[in-house]
Amino acid sequence: MALRLSPHLTVMANAAQKASKRLLRDFNEVEQLQVSVKGPSDFVSQADIRAEQTLREELNKARPGYAFLMEESGASGSDNWSWRWVVDPLDGTTNFLHGIPHWAISIALERRLPGGDSELAAGLIYAPAVDELFWAEKGGGAFVNERRLRVSARRDLKDAVFATGIPFAAVAPQRRLAFARTLGVLMPQVAGIRRFGAAALDFAWVAGGRYDGFWELGLKRWDMAAGILLVREAGGFVTDPAGQDPRDTGEVIAANPHLHAALSEAVIAGVARSHSGA
C-alpha cells in the first residue's frame, strides 16, 4: 500500500500506525486506564493525550513547518500557515473507555488558499481495532486499505440507512430538540438510523457505501475534516444545512448524491420545528 500513497499520506499513515500501537495496548487494558472528566459525557484519558503527543511528534518531524489544530491541545504554529494538520487522536473516546472496538485516529491536511480560505488536501482515518485505513487525497479518489471506495447508489429514502450522533447531557436543549424533531421526520421514511459513536467512522462508512448518509449538529473541525474529503472523493456530497462548508459551522450532512437533498430537507425541517415548538 505504501507504493500508492503520496508523500503526505505516507507521513500521515506512519504517524497513525505509530500512535495506534499504544492505543491498542491501552484498549486491551482499559479497566486500568486513568480517566479525568472534562465535562458531562466528555472524557479525556491518558490514551488521548499520549496518542496526540505521538502524532504531533511524528508529523512535526516529517513536516516541521506545518501548523496544528488538535482536539486536546488546540491550535499551534504560525497564524499565517500554508499547511495545517487537523487531528483527532482518538475519535470515539467513550466507546474506547467502555471496551467497544469502534474508535479511530483522524488526520486531515489543510492547504491555505489565496484570500485566506483553506481546502482539504488529504485525509486519513484509521480504525486500529479492525485494521481499516481509510484515506483520500484531493482529486485522487478515496480508499480503504487497497480497495477503492464509492458511496452507495441507493435513491429511495425507504431503502436508506443513515448514521447520526445523539446529543448527550451537556448539549444545549435547543440542539437536543432539533435532533428529536429531525428523528421524528426521518424515522417513518427510512430503513434504519444508526448511532455508533465515532463521527470520523460515520463519514468513512458513508464513503464506503455502508451508510447512505450521515448528519450531526455541533461537531468540531477535527471531528470531520478528514471525513469530509473521504466522502467527496468517494462521490458523495457534504455540506451544512445551508449548503455551506460544515467546517465553519459544525453542522454536517453527508450523503450520496441521490439522497443528500432529502436528508438536508429533513434536518432543516427538524431544526425549524425545534424553534417553532411544533
C-alpha atoms as a PDB file:
ATOM      1  CA  MET A   1       0.000   0.000   0.000  1.00  0.00           C
ATOM      2  CA  ALA A   2       2.889   2.380   0.678  1.00  0.00           C
ATOM      3  CA  LEU A   3       3.656   2.481  -3.038  1.00  0.00           C
ATOM      4  CA  ARG A   4       0.264   4.049  -3.718  1.00  0.00           C
ATOM      5  CA  LEU A   5       0.441   6.702  -1.025  1.00  0.00           C
ATOM      6  CA  SER A   6       1.702  10.207  -1.747  1.00  0.00           C
ATOM      7  CA  PRO A   7       4.463  11.662   0.465  1.00  0.00           C
ATOM      8  CA  HIS A   8       1.895  13.477   2.603  1.00  0.00           C
ATOM      9  CA  LEU A   9      -0.288  10.399   3.046  1.00  0.00           C
ATOM     10  CA  THR A  10       2.749   8.272   3.821  1.00  0.00           C
ATOM     11  CA  VAL A  11       3.647  10.665   6.649  1.00  0.00           C
ATOM     12  CA  MET A  12       0.061  10.540   7.934  1.00  0.00           C
ATOM     13  CA  ALA A  13      -0.183   6.756   7.758  1.00  0.00           C
ATOM     14  CA  ASN A  14       3.137   6.246   9.523  1.00  0.00           C
ATOM     15  CA  ALA A  15       2.105   8.619  12.325  1.00  0.00           C
ATOM     16  CA  ALA A  16      -1.274   6.930  12.733  1.00  0.00           C
ATOM     17  CA  GLN A  17       0.277   3.465  12.806  1.00  0.00           C
ATOM     18  CA  LYS A  18       2.755   4.502  15.489  1.00  0.00           C
ATOM     19  CA  ALA A  19       0.087   6.140  17.672  1.00  0.00           C
ATOM     20  CA  SER A  20      -2.202   3.145  17.239  1.00  0.00           C
ATOM     21  CA  LYS A  21       0.227   0.697  18.848  1.00  0.00           C
ATOM     22  CA  ARG A  22      -0.027   2.357  22.247  1.00  0.00           C
ATOM     23  CA  LEU A  23      -3.763   2.935  21.826  1.00  0.00           C
ATOM     24  CA  LEU A  24      -4.301  -0.773  21.222  1.00  0.00           C
ATOM     25  CA  ARG A  25      -2.299  -1.645  24.332  1.00  0.00           C
ATOM     26  CA  ASP A  26      -4.362   0.800  26.367  1.00  0.00           C
ATOM     27  CA  PHE A  27      -7.590  -0.530  24.836  1.00  0.00           C
ATOM     28  CA  ASN A  28      -6.691  -4.044  25.922  1.00  0.00           C
ATOM     29  CA  GLU A  29      -6.134  -2.761  29.465  1.00  0.00           C
ATOM     30  CA  VAL A  30      -8.977  -0.259  29.551  1.00  0.00           C
ATOM     31  CA  GLU A  31     -10.015  -1.216  33.081  1.00  0.00           C
ATOM     32  CA  GLN A  32      -6.709   0.128  34.415  1.00  0.00           C
ATOM     33  CA  LEU A  33      -6.733   3.293  32.309  1.00  0.00           C
ATOM     34  CA  GLN A  34      -6.823   6.510  34.345  1.00  0.00           C
ATOM     35  CA  VAL A  35      -9.553   8.880  33.232  1.00  0.00           C
ATOM     36  CA  SER A  36     -10.198  12.507  34.118  1.00  0.00           C
ATOM     37  CA  VAL A  37     -13.501  14.207  33.404  1.00  0.00           C
ATOM     38  CA  LYS A  38     -13.571  17.193  31.030  1.00  0.00           C
ATOM     39  CA  GLY A  39     -17.323  17.587  31.358  1.00  0.00           C
ATOM     40  CA  PRO A  40     -20.556  15.606  31.338  1.00  0.00           C
ATOM     41  CA  SER A  41     -20.238  12.630  28.982  1.00  0.00           C
ATOM     42  CA  ASP A  42     -16.969  14.048  27.656  1.00  0.00           C
ATOM     43  CA  PHE A  43     -13.887  12.211  28.871  1.00  0.00           C
ATOM     44  CA  VAL A  44     -10.191  12.636  28.287  1.00  0.00           C
ATOM     45  CA  SER A  45      -7.869   9.762  29.045  1.00  0.00           C
ATOM     46  CA  GLN A  46      -4.172   9.168  29.188  1.00  0.00           C
ATOM     47  CA  ALA A  47      -4.637   7.355  25.900  1.00  0.00           C
ATOM     48  CA  ASP A  48      -5.919  10.521  24.164  1.00  0.00           C
ATOM     49  CA  ILE A  49      -3.033  12.584  25.437  1.00  0.00           C
ATOM     50  CA  ARG A  50      -0.335  10.041  24.625  1.00  0.00           C
ATOM     51  CA  ALA A  51      -1.733   9.484  21.130  1.00  0.00           C
ATOM     52  CA  GLU A  52      -1.837  13.215  20.450  1.00  0.00           C
ATOM     53  CA  GLN A  53       1.759  13.629  21.615  1.00  0.00           C
ATOM     54  CA  THR A  54       2.901  10.801  19.344  1.00  0.00           C
ATOM     55  CA  LEU A  55       1.036  12.200  16.356  1.00  0.00           C
ATOM     56  CA  ARG A  56       2.410  15.692  16.929  1.00  0.00           C
ATOM     57  CA  GLU A  57       5.981  14.404  17.223  1.00  0.00           C
ATOM     58  CA  GLU A  58       5.754  12.242  14.109  1.00  0.00           C
ATOM     59  CA  LEU A  59       4.002  14.808  11.918  1.00  0.00           C
ATOM     60  CA  ASN A  60       6.248  17.639  13.079  1.00  0.00           C
ATOM     61  CA  LYS A  61       9.373  15.578  12.493  1.00  0.00           C
ATOM     62  CA  ALA A  62       8.339  14.899   8.899  1.00  0.00           C
ATOM     63  CA  ARG A  63       6.972  18.393   8.130  1.00  0.00           C
ATOM     64  CA  PRO A  64       8.476  20.807  10.691  1.00  0.00           C
ATOM     65  CA  GLY A  65       6.921  23.993   9.283  1.00  0.00           C
ATOM     66  CA  TYR A  66       3.296  22.885   9.364  1.00  0.00           C
ATOM     67  CA  ALA A  67       0.780  24.238  11.879  1.00  0.00           C
ATOM     68  CA  PHE A  68      -1.546  22.100  14.027  1.00  0.00           C
ATOM     69  CA  LEU A  69      -5.165  22.097  15.136  1.00  0.00           C
ATOM     70  CA  MET A  70      -5.599  19.237  17.626  1.00  0.00           C
ATOM     71  CA  GLU A  71      -8.503  18.201  19.827  1.00  0.00           C
ATOM     72  CA  GLU A  72      -6.686  18.216  23.163  1.00  0.00           C
ATOM     73  CA  SER A  73      -4.081  20.970  22.709  1.00  0.00           C
ATOM     74  CA  GLY A  74      -5.828  23.297  20.251  1.00  0.00           C
ATOM     75  CA  ALA A  75      -4.101  25.432  17.625  1.00  0.00           C
ATOM     76  CA  SER A  76      -0.335  25.885  17.425  1.00  0.00           C
ATOM     77  CA  GLY A  77       2.206  27.071  14.898  1.00  0.00           C
ATOM     78  CA  SER A  78       2.156  30.163  12.726  1.00  0.00           C
ATOM     79  CA  ASP A  79      -1.096  32.076  12.290  1.00  0.00           C
ATOM     80  CA  ASN A  80      -0.043  32.545   8.674  1.00  0.00           C
ATOM     81  CA  TRP A  81       0.323  28.832   7.999  1.00  0.00           C
ATOM     82  CA  SER A  82       0.329  27.475   4.474  1.00  0.00           C
ATOM     83  CA  TRP A  83      -0.266  23.879   5.583  1.00  0.00           C
ATOM     84  CA  ARG A  84      -2.031  22.687   8.736  1.00  0.00           C
ATOM     85  CA  TRP A  85      -2.632  19.280  10.304  1.00  0.00           C
ATOM     86  CA  VAL A  86      -6.126  18.838  11.797  1.00  0.00           C
ATOM     87  CA  VAL A  87      -6.002  15.931  14.241  1.00  0.00           C
ATOM     88  CA  ASP A  88      -8.365  13.963  16.455  1.00  0.00           C
ATOM     89  CA  PRO A  89      -6.117  11.447  18.211  1.00  0.00           C
ATOM     90  CA  LEU A  90      -8.978   9.294  19.459  1.00  0.00           C
ATOM     91  CA  ASP A  91     -12.419   9.740  17.969  1.00  0.00           C
ATOM     92  CA  GLY A  92     -14.917   7.599  19.849  1.00  0.00           C
ATOM     93  CA  THR A  93     -13.361   8.028  23.287  1.00  0.00           C
ATOM     94  CA  THR A  94     -16.472   6.849  25.126  1.00  0.00           C
ATOM     95  CA  ASN A  95     -16.536   3.660  23.040  1.00  0.00           C
ATOM     96  CA  PHE A  96     -12.839   3.174  23.822  1.00  0.00           C
ATOM     97  CA  LEU A  97     -13.372   3.585  27.551  1.00  0.00           C
ATOM     98  CA  HIS A  98     -16.230   1.079  27.522  1.00  0.00           C
ATOM     99  CA  GLY A  99     -14.276  -1.556  25.624  1.00  0.00           C
ATOM    100  CA  ILE A 100     -16.251  -1.081  22.397  1.00  0.00           C
ATOM    101  CA  PRO A 101     -13.922  -1.587  19.391  1.00  0.00           C
ATOM    102  CA  HIS A 102     -15.324   1.279  17.318  1.00  0.00           C
ATOM    103  CA  TRP A 103     -12.898   4.211  17.500  1.00  0.00           C
ATOM    104  CA  ALA A 104     -10.367   5.833  15.222  1.00  0.00           C
ATOM    105  CA  ILE A 105      -7.492   8.224  14.642  1.00  0.00           C
ATOM    106  CA  SER A 106      -8.378  11.069  12.270  1.00  0.00           C
ATOM    107  CA  ILE A 107      -5.786  13.228  10.485  1.00  0.00           C
ATOM    108  CA  ALA A 108      -6.508  15.835   7.811  1.00  0.00           C
ATOM    109  CA  LEU A 109      -4.202  18.215   5.968  1.00  0.00           C
ATOM    110  CA  GLU A 110      -5.473  21.677   5.073  1.00  0.00           C
ATOM    111  CA  ARG A 111      -3.814  23.918   2.489  1.00  0.00           C
ATOM    112  CA  ARG A 112      -4.228  27.689   2.663  1.00  0.00           C
ATOM    113  CA  LEU A 113      -5.589  29.295  -0.493  1.00  0.00           C
ATOM    114  CA  PRO A 114      -5.059  32.838  -1.767  1.00  0.00           C
ATOM    115  CA  GLY A 115      -7.502  35.059   0.103  1.00  0.00           C
ATOM    116  CA  GLY A 116      -7.292  33.131   3.368  1.00  0.00           C
ATOM    117  CA  ASP A 117      -9.677  30.222   2.823  1.00  0.00           C
ATOM    118  CA  SER A 118      -8.379  26.672   3.003  1.00  0.00           C
ATOM    119  CA  GLU A 119      -9.013  23.426   1.160  1.00  0.00           C
ATOM    120  CA  LEU A 120      -8.724  19.835   2.316  1.00  0.00           C
ATOM    121  CA  ALA A 121      -5.666  18.359   0.622  1.00  0.00           C
ATOM    122  CA  ALA A 122      -5.562  14.919   2.256  1.00  0.00           C
ATOM    123  CA  GLY A 123      -7.439  12.917   4.856  1.00  0.00           C
ATOM    124  CA  LEU A 124      -6.849   9.688   6.745  1.00  0.00           C
ATOM    125  CA  ILE A 125      -8.991   7.778   9.253  1.00  0.00           C
ATOM    126  CA  TYR A 126      -7.511   4.673  10.871  1.00  0.00           C
ATOM    127  CA  ALA A 127      -9.559   2.192  12.897  1.00  0.00           C
ATOM    128  CA  PRO A 128      -6.862   0.143  14.685  1.00  0.00           C
ATOM    129  CA  ALA A 129      -9.186  -2.417  16.286  1.00  0.00           C
ATOM    130  CA  VAL A 130     -10.213  -3.696  12.833  1.00  0.00           C
ATOM    131  CA  ASP A 131      -7.096  -2.528  10.936  1.00  0.00           C
ATOM    132  CA  GLU A 132      -9.015  -0.427   8.399  1.00  0.00           C
ATOM    133  CA  LEU A 133      -7.124   2.534   6.963  1.00  0.00           C
ATOM    134  CA  PHE A 134      -9.376   4.957   5.080  1.00  0.00           C
ATOM    135  CA  TRP A 135      -7.505   7.552   3.030  1.00  0.00           C
ATOM    136  CA  ALA A 136      -8.052  10.148   0.344  1.00  0.00           C
ATOM    137  CA  GLU A 137      -6.252  12.949  -1.415  1.00  0.00           C
ATOM    138  CA  LYS A 138      -7.924  15.776  -3.296  1.00  0.00           C
ATOM    139  CA  GLY A 139      -8.530  14.644  -6.851  1.00  0.00           C
ATOM    140  CA  GLY A 140      -7.188  11.145  -6.206  1.00  0.00           C
ATOM    141  CA  GLY A 141     -10.213   9.189  -5.019  1.00  0.00           C
ATOM    142  CA  ALA A 142     -10.904   7.502  -1.679  1.00  0.00           C
ATOM    143  CA  PHE A 143      -9.723   4.097  -0.484  1.00  0.00           C
ATOM    144  CA  VAL A 144      -9.850   1.686   2.440  1.00  0.00           C
ATOM    145  CA  ASN A 145      -6.584  -0.219   2.633  1.00  0.00           C
ATOM    146  CA  GLU A 146      -6.134  -1.214  -1.061  1.00  0.00           C
ATOM    147  CA  ARG A 147      -9.785  -1.007  -2.110  1.00  0.00           C
ATOM    148  CA  ARG A 148     -11.373   1.937  -3.909  1.00  0.00           C
ATOM    149  CA  LEU A 149     -14.388   3.454  -2.153  1.00  0.00           C
ATOM    150  CA  ARG A 150     -17.645   4.629  -3.680  1.00  0.00           C
ATOM    151  CA  VAL A 151     -20.711   5.982  -1.928  1.00  0.00           C
ATOM    152  CA  SER A 152     -23.881   3.928  -2.184  1.00  0.00           C
ATOM    153  CA  ALA A 153     -26.195   4.153  -5.191  1.00  0.00           C
ATOM    154  CA  ARG A 154     -29.494   3.990  -3.294  1.00  0.00           C
ATOM    155  CA  ARG A 155     -32.062   6.538  -4.428  1.00  0.00           C
ATOM    156  CA  ASP A 156     -35.081   5.996  -2.179  1.00  0.00           C
ATOM    157  CA  LEU A 157     -35.384   7.012   1.463  1.00  0.00           C
ATOM    158  CA  LYS A 158     -37.281   3.799   2.216  1.00  0.00           C
ATOM    159  CA  ASP A 159     -34.125   1.811   1.401  1.00  0.00           C
ATOM    160  CA  ALA A 160     -31.667   4.134   3.158  1.00  0.00           C
ATOM    161  CA  VAL A 161     -29.714   3.652   6.379  1.00  0.00           C
ATOM    162  CA  PHE A 162     -28.437   6.877   7.914  1.00  0.00           C
ATOM    163  CA  ALA A 163     -25.968   7.481  10.732  1.00  0.00           C
ATOM    164  CA  THR A 164     -26.131  10.264  13.289  1.00  0.00           C
ATOM    165  CA  GLY A 165     -24.826  11.412  16.647  1.00  0.00           C
ATOM    166  CA  ILE A 166     -27.329  11.528  19.503  1.00  0.00           C
ATOM    167  CA  PRO A 167     -26.874  14.644  21.679  1.00  0.00           C
ATOM    168  CA  PHE A 168     -25.797  13.909  25.242  1.00  0.00           C
ATOM    169  CA  ALA A 169     -26.437  15.674  28.558  1.00  0.00           C
ATOM    170  CA  ALA A 170     -24.099  18.647  28.051  1.00  0.00           C
ATOM    171  CA  VAL A 171     -25.627  19.600  24.687  1.00  0.00           C
ATOM    172  CA  ALA A 172     -27.907  22.654  24.700  1.00  0.00           C
ATOM    173  CA  PRO A 173     -31.635  21.847  24.972  1.00  0.00           C
ATOM    174  CA  GLN A 174     -32.365  23.548  21.634  1.00  0.00           C
ATOM    175  CA  ARG A 175     -29.969  21.238  19.816  1.00  0.00           C
ATOM    176  CA  ARG A 176     -31.369  18.176  21.573  1.00  0.00           C
ATOM    177  CA  LEU A 177     -34.835  19.227  20.462  1.00  0.00           C
ATOM    178  CA  ALA A 178     -33.649  19.795  16.872  1.00  0.00           C
ATOM    179  CA  PHE A 179     -32.270  16.249  16.860  1.00  0.00           C
ATOM    180  CA  ALA A 180     -35.515  14.806  18.193  1.00  0.00           C
ATOM    181  CA  ARG A 181     -37.576  16.671  15.610  1.00  0.00           C
ATOM    182  CA  THR A 182     -35.287  15.532  12.781  1.00  0.00           C
ATOM    183  CA  LEU A 183     -35.508  11.958  14.004  1.00  0.00           C
ATOM    184  CA  GLY A 184     -39.296  12.277  14.009  1.00  0.00           C
ATOM    185  CA  VAL A 185     -39.229  13.420  10.386  1.00  0.00           C
ATOM    186  CA  LEU A 186     -36.893  10.674   9.182  1.00  0.00           C
ATOM    187  CA  MET A 187     -37.847   7.549  11.127  1.00  0.00           C
ATOM    188  CA  PRO A 188     -41.125   6.859   9.294  1.00  0.00           C
ATOM    189  CA  GLN A 189     -39.384   7.222   5.923  1.00  0.00           C
ATOM    190  CA  VAL A 190     -36.136   5.203   6.132  1.00  0.00           C
ATOM    191  CA  ALA A 191     -34.861   1.656   6.544  1.00  0.00           C
ATOM    192  CA  GLY A 192     -32.840   2.489   9.645  1.00  0.00           C
ATOM    193  CA  ILE A 193     -30.897   5.044  11.685  1.00  0.00           C
ATOM    194  CA  ARG A 194     -27.665   4.136  13.458  1.00  0.00           C
ATOM    195  CA  ARG A 195     -25.618   5.783  16.229  1.00  0.00           C
ATOM    196  CA  PHE A 196     -22.223   4.091  16.652  1.00  0.00           C
ATOM    197  CA  GLY A 197     -20.410   6.881  18.496  1.00  0.00           C
ATOM    198  CA  ALA A 198     -17.480   7.899  16.267  1.00  0.00           C
ATOM    199  CA  ALA A 199     -18.159  10.669  13.737  1.00  0.00           C
ATOM    200  CA  ALA A 200     -14.945  10.045  11.780  1.00  0.00           C
ATOM    201  CA  LEU A 201     -16.027   6.467  11.119  1.00  0.00           C
ATOM    202  CA  ASP A 202     -19.550   7.610  10.242  1.00  0.00           C
ATOM    203  CA  PHE A 203     -18.006   9.650   7.412  1.00  0.00           C
ATOM    204  CA  ALA A 204     -15.746   6.777   6.396  1.00  0.00           C
ATOM    205  CA  TRP A 205     -18.673   4.372   6.272  1.00  0.00           C
ATOM    206  CA  VAL A 206     -20.666   6.791   4.103  1.00  0.00           C
ATOM    207  CA  ALA A 207     -17.663   6.944   1.756  1.00  0.00           C
ATOM    208  CA  GLY A 208     -17.656   3.145   1.621  1.00  0.00           C
ATOM    209  CA  GLY A 209     -21.384   2.804   0.992  1.00  0.00           C
ATOM    210  CA  ARG A 210     -22.099   1.126   4.333  1.00  0.00           C
ATOM    211  CA  TYR A 211     -24.290   4.077   5.268  1.00  0.00           C
ATOM    212  CA  ASP A 212     -26.258   6.087   2.731  1.00  0.00           C
ATOM    213  CA  GLY A 213     -25.801   9.292   4.685  1.00  0.00           C
ATOM    214  CA  PHE A 214     -24.854  10.908   7.990  1.00  0.00           C
ATOM    215  CA  TRP A 215     -25.939  14.041   9.803  1.00  0.00           C
ATOM    216  CA  GLU A 216     -24.918  15.697  13.048  1.00  0.00           C
ATOM    217  CA  LEU A 217     -25.001  19.175  14.564  1.00  0.00           C
ATOM    218  CA  GLY A 218     -22.301  20.651  16.785  1.00  0.00           C
ATOM    219  CA  LEU A 219     -19.184  18.880  15.514  1.00  0.00           C
ATOM    220  CA  LYS A 220     -15.678  20.304  15.704  1.00  0.00           C
ATOM    221  CA  ARG A 221     -13.306  20.760  12.792  1.00  0.00           C
ATOM    222  CA  TRP A 222     -11.138  17.823  13.882  1.00  0.00           C
ATOM    223  CA  ASP A 223     -14.204  15.552  14.021  1.00  0.00           C
ATOM    224  CA  MET A 224     -14.933  15.947  10.343  1.00  0.00           C
ATOM    225  CA  ALA A 225     -12.050  17.358   8.294  1.00  0.00           C
ATOM    226  CA  ALA A 226     -10.669  14.011   7.115  1.00  0.00           C
ATOM    227  CA  GLY A 227     -14.141  12.518   6.706  1.00  0.00           C
ATOM    228  CA  ILE A 228     -15.409  15.345   4.524  1.00  0.00           C
ATOM    229  CA  LEU A 229     -12.666  14.711   1.979  1.00  0.00           C
ATOM    230  CA  LEU A 230     -13.228  10.945   2.065  1.00  0.00           C
ATOM    231  CA  VAL A 231     -16.929  11.287   1.257  1.00  0.00           C
ATOM    232  CA  ARG A 232     -16.350  13.830  -1.507  1.00  0.00           C
ATOM    233  CA  GLU A 233     -13.592  11.769  -3.110  1.00  0.00           C
ATOM    234  CA  ALA A 234     -15.895   8.726  -2.973  1.00  0.00           C
ATOM    235  CA  GLY A 235     -18.503  10.632  -4.985  1.00  0.00           C
ATOM    236  CA  GLY A 236     -20.699  11.964  -2.190  1.00  0.00           C
ATOM    237  CA  PHE A 237     -21.897  15.417  -1.176  1.00  0.00           C
ATOM    238  CA  VAL A 238     -21.011  17.088   2.151  1.00  0.00           C
ATOM    239  CA  THR A 239     -22.445  20.447   3.243  1.00  0.00           C
ATOM    240  CA  ASP A 240     -24.083  22.080   6.217  1.00  0.00           C
ATOM    241  CA  PRO A 241     -27.898  22.514   6.092  1.00  0.00           C
ATOM    242  CA  ALA A 242     -27.481  25.828   4.256  1.00  0.00           C
ATOM    243  CA  GLY A 243     -25.235  24.277   1.625  1.00  0.00           C
ATOM    244  CA  GLN A 244     -22.046  25.811   3.022  1.00  0.00           C
ATOM    245  CA  ASP A 245     -18.774  24.365   4.319  1.00  0.00           C
ATOM    246  CA  PRO A 246     -19.536  22.388   7.514  1.00  0.00           C
ATOM    247  CA  ARG A 247     -16.024  23.045   8.828  1.00  0.00           C
ATOM    248  CA  ASP A 248     -17.169  26.616   9.503  1.00  0.00           C
ATOM    249  CA  THR A 249     -20.489  25.810  11.191  1.00  0.00           C
ATOM    250  CA  GLY A 250     -20.071  22.368  12.765  1.00  0.00           C
ATOM    251  CA  GLU A 251     -23.343  21.224  11.195  1.00  0.00           C
ATOM    252  CA  VAL A 252     -22.907  18.443   8.660  1.00  0.00           C
ATOM    253  CA  ILE A 253     -24.964  16.496   6.162  1.00  0.00           C
ATOM    254  CA  ALA A 254     -23.053  13.868   4.176  1.00  0.00           C
ATOM    255  CA  ALA A 255     -24.739  11.515   1.743  1.00  0.00           C
ATOM    256  CA  ASN A 256     -24.690  10.005  -1.701  1.00  0.00           C
ATOM    257  CA  PRO A 257     -25.760  12.399  -4.478  1.00  0.00           C
ATOM    258  CA  HIS A 258     -29.271  10.919  -4.713  1.00  0.00           C
ATOM    259  CA  LEU A 259     -30.164  11.312  -1.016  1.00  0.00           C
ATOM    260  CA  HIS A 260     -28.268  14.416   0.081  1.00  0.00           C
ATOM    261  CA  ALA A 261     -31.125  16.798  -0.751  1.00  0.00           C
ATOM    262  CA  ALA A 262     -33.739  14.677   1.030  1.00  0.00           C
ATOM    263  CA  LEU A 263     -31.574  14.312   4.136  1.00  0.00           C
ATOM    264  CA  SER A 264     -30.886  18.066   4.117  1.00  0.00           C
ATOM    265  CA  GLU A 265     -34.611  18.804   3.914  1.00  0.00           C
ATOM    266  CA  ALA A 266     -35.295  16.550   6.894  1.00  0.00           C
ATOM    267  CA  VAL A 267     -32.598  18.204   9.011  1.00  0.00           C
ATOM    268  CA  ILE A 268     -33.775  21.700   8.046  1.00  0.00           C
ATOM    269  CA  ALA A 269     -37.363  20.719   8.913  1.00  0.00           C
ATOM    270  CA  GLY A 270     -36.252  19.294  12.263  1.00  0.00           C
ATOM    271  CA  VAL A 271     -34.382  22.457  13.187  1.00  0.00           C
ATOM    272  CA  ALA A 272     -37.307  24.625  12.123  1.00  0.00           C
ATOM    273  CA  ARG A 273     -39.742  22.581  14.206  1.00  0.00           C
ATOM    274  CA  SER A 274     -37.474  22.868  17.233  1.00  0.00           C
ATOM    275  CA  HIS A 275     -37.705  26.646  17.006  1.00  0.00           C
ATOM    276  CA  SER A 276     -41.446  26.742  16.376  1.00  0.00           C
ATOM    277  CA  GLY A 277     -42.271  24.255  19.130  1.00  0.00           C
ATOM    278  CA  ALA A 278     -44.149  22.052  16.671  1.00  0.00           C
END
